[in-house]
């Protein structure tokens, strides 16, 4: 399976998880992960992961940290997928 197909399936899965029954913060986490995966340059994902980790270390706001955790989770997933498809 191609990297593009795996990424599209992950985005579809995350979209399916968005539900009005969820707390808004849960849905926002899924949305942030979708955005992170869509906007990531697969050739630079390793650099993005390192950058997000540094931002997370410096984060002082809880909401900012939550967003960074969600982005980092998505980017680390993407990084693993890129490594599998090289």
PDB file of N, CA and C in Angstrom:
ATOM      1  N   UNK A   1       0.854  -1.177   0.000  1.00  0.00           N
ATOM      2  CA  UNK A   1       0.000   0.000   0.000  1.00  0.00           C
ATOM      3  C   UNK A   1       0.900   1.241   0.000  1.00  0.00           C
ATOM      4  N   UNK A   2       0.548   2.219  -0.804  1.00  0.00           N
ATOM      5  CA  UNK A   2       1.360   3.425  -0.926  1.00  0.00           C
ATOM      6  C   UNK A   2       1.208   4.330   0.304  1.00  0.00           C
ATOM      7  N   UNK A   3       2.194   5.175   0.492  1.00  0.00           N
ATOM      8  CA  UNK A   3       2.165   6.126   1.602  1.00  0.00           C
ATOM      9  C   UNK A   3       0.936   7.029   1.493  1.00  0.00           C
ATOM     10  N   UNK A   4       0.631   7.479   0.301  1.00  0.00           N
ATOM     11  CA  UNK A   4      -0.524   8.361   0.088  1.00  0.00           C
ATOM     12  C   UNK A   4      -1.826   7.672   0.519  1.00  0.00           C
ATOM     13  N   UNK A   5      -1.959   6.401   0.181  1.00  0.00           N
ATOM     14  CA  UNK A   5      -3.159   5.660   0.548  1.00  0.00           C
ATOM     15  C   UNK A   5      -3.256   5.490   2.067  1.00  0.00           C
ATOM     16  N   UNK A   6      -2.136   5.176   2.706  1.00  0.00           N
ATOM     17  CA  UNK A   6      -2.112   5.013   4.164  1.00  0.00           C
ATOM     18  C   UNK A   6      -2.490   6.328   4.845  1.00  0.00           C
ATOM     19  N   UNK A   7      -1.940   7.427   4.352  1.00  0.00           N
ATOM     20  CA  UNK A   7      -2.239   8.747   4.917  1.00  0.00           C
ATOM     21  C   UNK A   7      -3.718   9.075   4.729  1.00  0.00           C
ATOM     22  N   UNK A   8      -4.243   8.825   3.547  1.00  0.00           N
ATOM     23  CA  UNK A   8      -5.668   9.100   3.296  1.00  0.00           C
ATOM     24  C   UNK A   8      -6.576   8.256   4.182  1.00  0.00           C
ATOM     25  N   UNK A   9      -6.194   7.008   4.395  1.00  0.00           N
ATOM     26  CA  UNK A   9      -6.979   6.145   5.281  1.00  0.00           C
ATOM     27  C   UNK A   9      -6.944   6.646   6.722  1.00  0.00           C
ATOM     28  N   UNK A  10      -5.783   7.127   7.154  1.00  0.00           N
ATOM     29  CA  UNK A  10      -5.658   7.665   8.519  1.00  0.00           C
ATOM     30  C   UNK A  10      -6.528   8.910   8.675  1.00  0.00           C
ATOM     31  N   UNK A  11      -6.503   9.783   7.697  1.00  0.00           N
ATOM     32  CA  UNK A  11      -7.324  10.992   7.746  1.00  0.00           C
ATOM     33  C   UNK A  11      -8.805  10.625   7.769  1.00  0.00           C
ATOM     34  N   UNK A  12      -9.200   9.655   6.962  1.00  0.00           N
ATOM     35  CA  UNK A  12     -10.594   9.199   6.969  1.00  0.00           C
ATOM     36  C   UNK A  12     -10.973   8.635   8.330  1.00  0.00           C
ATOM     37  N   UNK A  13     -10.078   7.846   8.920  1.00  0.00           N
ATOM     38  CA  UNK A  13     -10.327   7.278  10.247  1.00  0.00           C
ATOM     39  C   UNK A  13     -10.511   8.390  11.282  1.00  0.00           C
ATOM     40  N   UNK A  14      -9.633   9.379  11.256  1.00  0.00           N
ATOM     41  CA  UNK A  14      -9.729  10.479  12.220  1.00  0.00           C
ATOM     42  C   UNK A  14     -11.025  11.270  12.028  1.00  0.00           C
ATOM     43  N   UNK A  15     -11.418  11.473  10.772  1.00  0.00           N
ATOM     44  CA  UNK A  15     -12.681  12.174  10.496  1.00  0.00           C
ATOM     45  C   UNK A  15     -13.862  11.407  11.070  1.00  0.00           C
ATOM     46  N   UNK A  16     -13.819  10.081  10.958  1.00  0.00           N
ATOM     47  CA  UNK A  16     -14.905   9.248  11.487  1.00  0.00           C
ATOM     48  C   UNK A  16     -15.002   9.346  13.012  1.00  0.00           C
ATOM     49  N   UNK A  17     -13.901   9.664  13.667  1.00  0.00           N
ATOM     50  CA  UNK A  17     -13.887   9.745  15.122  1.00  0.00           C
ATOM     51  C   UNK A  17     -14.545  11.027  15.637  1.00  0.00           C
ATOM     52  N   UNK A  18     -14.648  12.026  14.765  1.00  0.00           N
ATOM     53  CA  UNK A  18     -15.282  13.288  15.149  1.00  0.00           C
ATOM     54  C   UNK A  18     -16.781  13.046  15.263  1.00  0.00           C
ATOM     55  N   UNK A  19     -17.322  13.353  16.428  1.00  0.00           N
ATOM     56  CA  UNK A  19     -18.707  12.987  16.721  1.00  0.00           C
ATOM     57  C   UNK A  19     -19.291  14.019  17.672  1.00  0.00           C
ATOM     58  N   UNK A  20     -20.543  14.443  17.467  1.00  0.00           N
ATOM     59  CA  UNK A  20     -21.163  15.433  18.360  1.00  0.00           C
ATOM     60  C   UNK A  20     -21.299  14.944  19.804  1.00  0.00           C
ATOM     61  N   UNK A  21     -21.243  13.645  19.994  1.00  0.00           N
ATOM     62  CA  UNK A  21     -21.337  13.097  21.353  1.00  0.00           C
ATOM     63  C   UNK A  21     -20.045  13.341  22.135  1.00  0.00           C
ATOM     64  N   UNK A  22     -18.930  13.430  21.416  1.00  0.00           N
ATOM     65  CA  UNK A  22     -17.636  13.682  22.063  1.00  0.00           C
ATOM     66  C   UNK A  22     -17.614  15.062  22.713  1.00  0.00           C
ATOM     67  N   UNK A  23     -16.736  15.209  23.685  1.00  0.00           N
ATOM     68  CA  UNK A  23     -16.475  16.539  24.228  1.00  0.00           C
ATOM     69  C   UNK A  23     -15.786  17.349  23.130  1.00  0.00           C
ATOM     70  N   UNK A  24     -16.019  18.657  23.092  1.00  0.00           N
ATOM     71  CA  UNK A  24     -15.405  19.485  22.047  1.00  0.00           C
ATOM     72  C   UNK A  24     -13.879  19.350  21.981  1.00  0.00           C
ATOM     73  N   UNK A  25     -13.241  19.216  23.128  1.00  0.00           N
ATOM     74  CA  UNK A  25     -11.778  19.107  23.148  1.00  0.00           C
ATOM     75  C   UNK A  25     -11.313  17.829  22.440  1.00  0.00           C
ATOM     76  N   UNK A  26     -12.082  16.773  22.528  1.00  0.00           N
ATOM     77  CA  UNK A  26     -11.733  15.523  21.845  1.00  0.00           C
ATOM     78  C   UNK A  26     -11.843  15.712  20.337  1.00  0.00           C
ATOM     79  N   UNK A  27     -12.933  16.305  19.887  1.00  0.00           N
ATOM     80  CA  UNK A  27     -13.097  16.559  18.458  1.00  0.00           C
ATOM     81  C   UNK A  27     -12.010  17.491  17.939  1.00  0.00           C
ATOM     82  N   UNK A  28     -11.659  18.490  18.729  1.00  0.00           N
ATOM     83  CA  UNK A  28     -10.603  19.430  18.315  1.00  0.00           C
ATOM     84  C   UNK A  28      -9.268  18.711  18.181  1.00  0.00           C
ATOM     85  N   UNK A  29      -9.004  17.752  19.056  1.00  0.00           N
ATOM     86  CA  UNK A  29      -7.769  16.972  18.970  1.00  0.00           C
ATOM     87  C   UNK A  29      -7.710  16.224  17.635  1.00  0.00           C
ATOM     88  N   UNK A  30      -8.812  15.599  17.253  1.00  0.00           N
ATOM     89  CA  UNK A  30      -8.849  14.903  15.967  1.00  0.00           C
ATOM     90  C   UNK A  30      -8.634  15.878  14.816  1.00  0.00           C
ATOM     91  N   UNK A  31      -9.254  17.046  14.890  1.00  0.00           N
ATOM     92  CA  UNK A  31      -9.096  18.059  13.837  1.00  0.00           C
ATOM     93  C   UNK A  31      -7.647  18.528  13.735  1.00  0.00           C
ATOM     94  N   UNK A  32      -7.009  18.743  14.870  1.00  0.00           N
ATOM     95  CA  UNK A  32      -5.605  19.170  14.889  1.00  0.00           C
ATOM     96  C   UNK A  32      -4.720  18.092  14.266  1.00  0.00           C
ATOM     97  N   UNK A  33      -5.002  16.838  14.578  1.00  0.00           N
ATOM     98  CA  UNK A  33      -4.216  15.743  14.006  1.00  0.00           C
ATOM     99  C   UNK A  33      -4.398  15.663  12.496  1.00  0.00           C
ATOM    100  N   UNK A  34      -5.614  15.838  12.037  1.00  0.00           N
ATOM    101  CA  UNK A  34      -5.878  15.837  10.593  1.00  0.00           C
ATOM    102  C   UNK A  34      -5.094  16.961   9.917  1.00  0.00           C
ATOM    103  N   UNK A  35      -5.162  18.156  10.482  1.00  0.00           N
ATOM    104  CA  UNK A  35      -4.439  19.301   9.918  1.00  0.00           C
ATOM    105  C   UNK A  35      -2.933  19.045   9.894  1.00  0.00           C
ATOM    106  N   UNK A  36      -2.406  18.488  10.971  1.00  0.00           N
ATOM    107  CA  UNK A  36      -0.968  18.234  11.058  1.00  0.00           C
ATOM    108  C   UNK A  36      -0.520  17.255   9.978  1.00  0.00           C
ATOM    109  N   UNK A  37      -1.295  16.199   9.779  1.00  0.00           N
ATOM    110  CA  UNK A  37      -0.941  15.206   8.765  1.00  0.00           C
ATOM    111  C   UNK A  37      -1.071  15.799   7.361  1.00  0.00           C
ATOM    112  N   UNK A  38      -2.143  16.523   7.111  1.00  0.00           N
ATOM    113  CA  UNK A  38      -2.362  17.117   5.781  1.00  0.00           C
ATOM    114  C   UNK A  38      -1.281  18.124   5.410  1.00  0.00           C
ATOM    115  N   UNK A  39      -0.871  18.925   6.377  1.00  0.00           N
ATOM    116  CA  UNK A  39       0.049  20.021   6.103  1.00  0.00           C
ATOM    117  C   UNK A  39       1.518  19.635   6.178  1.00  0.00           C
ATOM    118  N   UNK A  40       1.814  18.433   6.632  1.00  0.00           N
ATOM    119  CA  UNK A  40       3.205  18.024   6.814  1.00  0.00           C
ATOM    120  C   UNK A  40       3.857  17.678   5.484  1.00  0.00           C
ATOM    121  N   UNK A  41       5.084  18.099   5.346  1.00  0.00           N
ATOM    122  CA  UNK A  41       5.918  17.710   4.216  1.00  0.00           C
ATOM    123  C   UNK A  41       6.580  16.391   4.605  1.00  0.00           C
ATOM    124  N   UNK A  42       6.236  15.322   3.919  1.00  0.00           N
ATOM    125  CA  UNK A  42       6.749  14.003   4.313  1.00  0.00           C
ATOM    126  C   UNK A  42       8.269  13.920   4.238  1.00  0.00           C
ATOM    127  N   UNK A  43       8.885  14.763   3.429  1.00  0.00           N
ATOM    128  CA  UNK A  43      10.344  14.764   3.335  1.00  0.00           C
ATOM    129  C   UNK A  43      10.991  15.477   4.528  1.00  0.00           C
ATOM    130  N   UNK A  44      10.204  16.272   5.246  1.00  0.00           N
ATOM    131  CA  UNK A  44      10.740  17.037   6.372  1.00  0.00           C
ATOM    132  C   UNK A  44      10.054  16.682   7.689  1.00  0.00           C
ATOM    133  N   UNK A  45       9.375  15.538   7.727  1.00  0.00           N
ATOM    134  CA  UNK A  45       8.591  15.192   8.915  1.00  0.00           C
ATOM    135  C   UNK A  45       9.479  15.008  10.142  1.00  0.00           C
ATOM    136  N   UNK A  46      10.682  14.484   9.955  1.00  0.00           N
ATOM    137  CA  UNK A  46      11.590  14.293  11.088  1.00  0.00           C
ATOM    138  C   UNK A  46      11.947  15.640  11.732  1.00  0.00           C
ATOM    139  N   UNK A  47      12.195  16.631  10.916  1.00  0.00           N
ATOM    140  CA  UNK A  47      12.499  17.972  11.408  1.00  0.00           C
ATOM    141  C   UNK A  47      11.284  18.565  12.112  1.00  0.00           C
ATOM    142  N   UNK A  48      10.108  18.341  11.547  1.00  0.00           N
ATOM    143  CA  UNK A  48       8.869  18.835  12.170  1.00  0.00           C
ATOM    144  C   UNK A  48       8.664  18.231  13.551  1.00  0.00           C
ATOM    145  N   UNK A  49       8.932  16.936  13.681  1.00  0.00           N
ATOM    146  CA  UNK A  49       8.785  16.262  14.980  1.00  0.00           C
ATOM    147  C   UNK A  49       9.731  16.893  15.997  1.00  0.00           C
ATOM    148  N   UNK A  50      10.980  17.093  15.614  1.00  0.00           N
ATOM    149  CA  UNK A  50      11.948  17.706  16.531  1.00  0.00           C
ATOM    150  C   UNK A  50      11.537  19.122  16.917  1.00  0.00           C
ATOM    151  N   UNK A  51      11.031  19.871  15.956  1.00  0.00           N
ATOM    152  CA  UNK A  51      10.594  21.245  16.204  1.00  0.00           C
ATOM    153  C   UNK A  51       9.420  21.267  17.186  1.00  0.00           C
ATOM    154  N   UNK A  52       8.456  20.373  16.984  1.00  0.00           N
ATOM    155  CA  UNK A  52       7.282  20.317  17.876  1.00  0.00           C
ATOM    156  C   UNK A  52       7.695  19.897  19.285  1.00  0.00           C
ATOM    157  N   UNK A  53       8.673  18.993  19.394  1.00  0.00           N
ATOM    158  CA  UNK A  53       9.147  18.573  20.722  1.00  0.00           C
ATOM    159  C   UNK A  53       9.778  19.756  21.462  1.00  0.00           C
ATOM    160  N   UNK A  54      10.547  20.567  20.749  1.00  0.00           N
ATOM    161  CA  UNK A  54      11.155  21.749  21.372  1.00  0.00           C
ATOM    162  C   UNK A  54      10.088  22.757  21.772  1.00  0.00           C
ATOM    163  N   UNK A  55       9.082  22.940  20.914  1.00  0.00           N
ATOM    164  CA  UNK A  55       7.992  23.857  21.246  1.00  0.00           C
ATOM    165  C   UNK A  55       7.235  23.363  22.470  1.00  0.00           C
ATOM    166  N   UNK A  56       7.061  22.062  22.552  1.00  0.00           N
ATOM    167  CA  UNK A  56       6.349  21.479  23.691  1.00  0.00           C
ATOM    168  C   UNK A  56       7.130  21.688  24.982  1.00  0.00           C
ATOM    169  N   UNK A  57       8.442  21.533  24.920  1.00  0.00           N
ATOM    170  CA  UNK A  57       9.287  21.763  26.097  1.00  0.00           C
ATOM    171  C   UNK A  57       9.168  23.203  26.593  1.00  0.00           C
ATOM    172  N   UNK A  58       8.986  24.124  25.665  1.00  0.00           N
ATOM    173  CA  UNK A  58       8.922  25.542  26.016  1.00  0.00           C
ATOM    174  C   UNK A  58       7.500  26.020  26.316  1.00  0.00           C
ATOM    175  N   UNK A  59       6.511  25.195  26.048  1.00  0.00           N
ATOM    176  CA  UNK A  59       5.116  25.611  26.214  1.00  0.00           C
ATOM    177  C   UNK A  59       4.788  25.870  27.683  1.00  0.00           C
ATOM    178  N   UNK A  60       4.094  26.968  27.923  1.00  0.00           N
ATOM    179  CA  UNK A  60       3.672  27.317  29.283  1.00  0.00           C
ATOM    180  C   UNK A  60       2.156  27.311  29.427  1.00  0.00           C
ATOM    181  N   UNK A  61       1.466  27.364  28.302  1.00  0.00           N
ATOM    182  CA  UNK A  61       0.006  27.383  28.298  1.00  0.00           C
ATOM    183  C   UNK A  61      -0.522  25.955  28.101  1.00  0.00           C
ATOM    184  N   UNK A  62      -1.496  25.566  28.896  1.00  0.00           N
ATOM    185  CA  UNK A  62      -2.057  24.217  28.818  1.00  0.00           C
ATOM    186  C   UNK A  62      -2.693  23.950  27.458  1.00  0.00           C
ATOM    187  N   UNK A  63      -3.424  24.907  26.920  1.00  0.00           N
ATOM    188  CA  UNK A  63      -4.083  24.713  25.630  1.00  0.00           C
ATOM    189  C   UNK A  63      -3.055  24.576  24.506  1.00  0.00           C
ATOM    190  N   UNK A  64      -2.000  25.363  24.591  1.00  0.00           N
ATOM    191  CA  UNK A  64      -0.930  25.263  23.598  1.00  0.00           C
ATOM    192  C   UNK A  64      -0.255  23.894  23.705  1.00  0.00           C
ATOM    193  N   UNK A  65       0.001  23.433  24.917  1.00  0.00           N
ATOM    194  CA  UNK A  65       0.626  22.127  25.125  1.00  0.00           C
ATOM    195  C   UNK A  65      -0.266  21.003  24.597  1.00  0.00           C
ATOM    196  N   UNK A  66      -1.560  21.090  24.841  1.00  0.00           N
ATOM    197  CA  UNK A  66      -2.492  20.073  24.336  1.00  0.00           C
ATOM    198  C   UNK A  66      -2.452  20.009  22.814  1.00  0.00           C
ATOM    199  N   UNK A  67      -2.443  21.176  22.189  1.00  0.00           N
ATOM    200  CA  UNK A  67      -2.392  21.224  20.725  1.00  0.00           C
ATOM    201  C   UNK A  67      -1.080  20.623  20.220  1.00  0.00           C
ATOM    202  N   UNK A  68       0.016  20.959  20.883  1.00  0.00           N
ATOM    203  CA  UNK A  68       1.311  20.426  20.476  1.00  0.00           C
ATOM    204  C   UNK A  68       1.374  18.909  20.656  1.00  0.00           C
ATOM    205  N   UNK A  69       0.809  18.401  21.741  1.00  0.00           N
ATOM    206  CA  UNK A  69       0.746  16.949  21.950  1.00  0.00           C
ATOM    207  C   UNK A  69      -0.002  16.278  20.806  1.00  0.00           C
ATOM    208  N   UNK A  70      -1.124  16.846  20.418  1.00  0.00           N
ATOM    209  CA  UNK A  70      -1.932  16.275  19.330  1.00  0.00           C
ATOM    210  C   UNK A  70      -1.151  16.310  18.013  1.00  0.00           C
ATOM    211  N   UNK A  71      -0.519  17.439  17.731  1.00  0.00           N
ATOM    212  CA  UNK A  71       0.275  17.550  16.506  1.00  0.00           C
ATOM    213  C   UNK A  71       1.433  16.561  16.517  1.00  0.00           C
ATOM    214  N   UNK A  72       2.097  16.479  17.644  1.00  0.00           N
ATOM    215  CA  UNK A  72       3.238  15.580  17.769  1.00  0.00           C
ATOM    216  C   UNK A  72       2.816  14.125  17.588  1.00  0.00           C
ATOM    217  N   UNK A  73       1.702  13.755  18.162  1.00  0.00           N
ATOM    218  CA  UNK A  73       1.190  12.395  18.010  1.00  0.00           C
ATOM    219  C   UNK A  73       0.955  12.079  16.531  1.00  0.00           C
ATOM    220  N   UNK A  74       0.326  12.995  15.829  1.00  0.00           N
ATOM    221  CA  UNK A  74       0.042  12.793  14.407  1.00  0.00           C
ATOM    222  C   UNK A  74       1.327  12.758  13.580  1.00  0.00           C
ATOM    223  N   UNK A  75       2.242  13.655  13.880  1.00  0.00           N
ATOM    224  CA  UNK A  75       3.490  13.711  13.116  1.00  0.00           C
ATOM    225  C   UNK A  75       4.375  12.497  13.371  1.00  0.00           C
ATOM    226  N   UNK A  76       4.381  12.006  14.605  1.00  0.00           N
ATOM    227  CA  UNK A  76       5.152  10.799  14.895  1.00  0.00           C
ATOM    228  C   UNK A  76       4.549   9.594  14.172  1.00  0.00           C
ATOM    229  N   UNK A  77       3.229   9.531  14.093  1.00  0.00           N
ATOM    230  CA  UNK A  77       2.578   8.477  13.314  1.00  0.00           C
ATOM    231  C   UNK A  77       3.023   8.576  11.854  1.00  0.00           C
ATOM    232  N   UNK A  78       2.983   9.796  11.312  1.00  0.00           N
ATOM    233  CA  UNK A  78       3.375  10.013   9.924  1.00  0.00           C
ATOM    234  C   UNK A  78       4.838   9.642   9.703  1.00  0.00           C
ATOM    235  N   UNK A  79       5.681   9.999  10.656  1.00  0.00           N
ATOM    236  CA  UNK A  79       7.102   9.680  10.565  1.00  0.00           C
ATOM    237  C   UNK A  79       7.314   8.161  10.468  1.00  0.00           C
ATOM    238  N   UNK A  80       6.576   7.402  11.253  1.00  0.00           N
ATOM    239  CA  UNK A  80       6.673   5.935  11.201  1.00  0.00           C
ATOM    240  C   UNK A  80       6.228   5.409   9.840  1.00  0.00           C
ATOM    241  N   UNK A  81       5.169   6.002   9.285  1.00  0.00           N
ATOM    242  CA  UNK A  81       4.668   5.565   7.989  1.00  0.00           C
ATOM    243  C   UNK A  81       5.659   5.882   6.877  1.00  0.00           C
ATOM    244  N   UNK A  82       6.273   7.049   6.952  1.00  0.00           N
ATOM    245  CA  UNK A  82       7.280   7.431   5.955  1.00  0.00           C
ATOM    246  C   UNK A  82       8.439   6.442   6.023  1.00  0.00           C
ATOM    247  N   UNK A  83       8.878   6.099   7.215  1.00  0.00           N
ATOM    248  CA  UNK A  83       9.990   5.148   7.381  1.00  0.00           C
ATOM    249  C   UNK A  83       9.652   3.783   6.787  1.00  0.00           C
ATOM    250  N   UNK A  84       8.400   3.371   6.922  1.00  0.00           N
ATOM    251  CA  UNK A  84       7.977   2.066   6.374  1.00  0.00           C
ATOM    252  C   UNK A  84       7.969   2.075   4.850  1.00  0.00           C
ATOM    253  N   UNK A  85       7.725   3.238   4.263  1.00  0.00           N
ATOM    254  CA  UNK A  85       7.541   3.313   2.816  1.00  0.00           C
ATOM    255  C   UNK A  85       8.765   3.811   2.056  1.00  0.00           C
ATOM    256  N   UNK A  86       9.871   3.867   2.713  1.00  0.00           N
ATOM    257  CA  UNK A  86      11.103   4.315   2.022  1.00  0.00           C
ATOM    258  C   UNK A  86      11.698   3.155   1.262  1.00  0.00           C
TER     259      UNK A  86
END
